[in-house]
Amino acid sequence: MARELLRALRGQRSQVAFARRLGYRGNPVADWEAGRRFPTALELLRAYERVAGDVSDAFARFHPNVPARLDDGTLDVAAWLSALRGSASAQDIAGRAKLSRHQVARWLRGQTQPRVPDFLRVLDAITGRVTDLVAELVPIDRVPSALRDWERRQAARNLAHEEPWTEAIVRVIESRPYRELPAHSSEFVADALELSLEVVQRCLDKLEATGIIARRGERYQPVQALTVDTRAVGKLREHWAGVAAERVHAPRPDDIFSYNVFSASRADMARIDALLRATFREIRLIVANTREDEAAALVNLQLVRWGPRE
């Protein structure tokens, strides 16, 4: 993928012309594209800015958090990766990327710079979305090794938008009660989520067609993440808020529905805002580290403000 990415970035230029454009007297591009050696990730980003424009724009399309600029104008990729990894340790990332823990730790601290293939491995270990960044840097069809994964992710994003219940169905399939069934049962999934068999079967068929789930023996099993197109977030928030609103009329004993209409100082409002955001991050961390998927659930958090905007 690194070789193809660098070749795609060169475009129609010759290797020598591309090397001159980047300020090299020799022709390291030939070695890059042959896989004999590779530039660092920072050299890749510098090359992008020489031939394509502000690389921050590509990062912004990939993730809302964009790497900051250092005093010399380069992007602080180390700090960016560290922010993306959250609570994941360097050892965990190294294990997923099949790299040395010491190497990964040094890269995350900014002590050394990873070569392009290692940068791509680390990014994929952290986000699982390396092909999305590649697609923002160059036309994805010019990177054949990334194209199939990117197309599957695009199909998955579209699916979450078209069929919001697919996310909940995947969560049920991950749960231990489903895994303990002797064989797959669409009725079990429908009962768990209080859905019609028609909706469940339609979602299962689409999940299987897009490669999100696959048959393993007698049951389904998730085989890749169901990602969400950021353009669909508004619709999905509306969907899941509606699901919760319907349950208000017939709650289960262990459901929680609470509200508090209040007024507060701006300082205290800021504290409440921060507390809600921290709570949501903590919930996600608990879910990410849970040892056993035994039940599926939905959490909605809302803070609705009235009055003049600040």
Foldseek 3Di string as FASTA:
>chain_A
DQLLLLVQLCPPDDQCVLCVLLPHPDRCNVCRNVVVDFAFPQSVLSSLCSRPNHCQVLVCQVDVDGFDADPVRTGPVLCVLVVLQPPDQLVQLCVQLVHDSVVSVCSNVVVDTHGPVSVLSSVCSRPVPSLSSSVSRGPSVSVVVSVVVVVLLVLLQVLCLVQVCLVVLLLVLQAPVQVPDPADDLVVSCVQLVHDSVSSVVSVVSCVVSQQWDDDDRYIHGDDDRDHDPVRVVVSLVVLVVVVVVCVVPPDPPDDDDDDDDDDDPVVVVVVVVVLVVVVVVVVVCVVPPPHSHGDDDDDDDDDDDDDDD
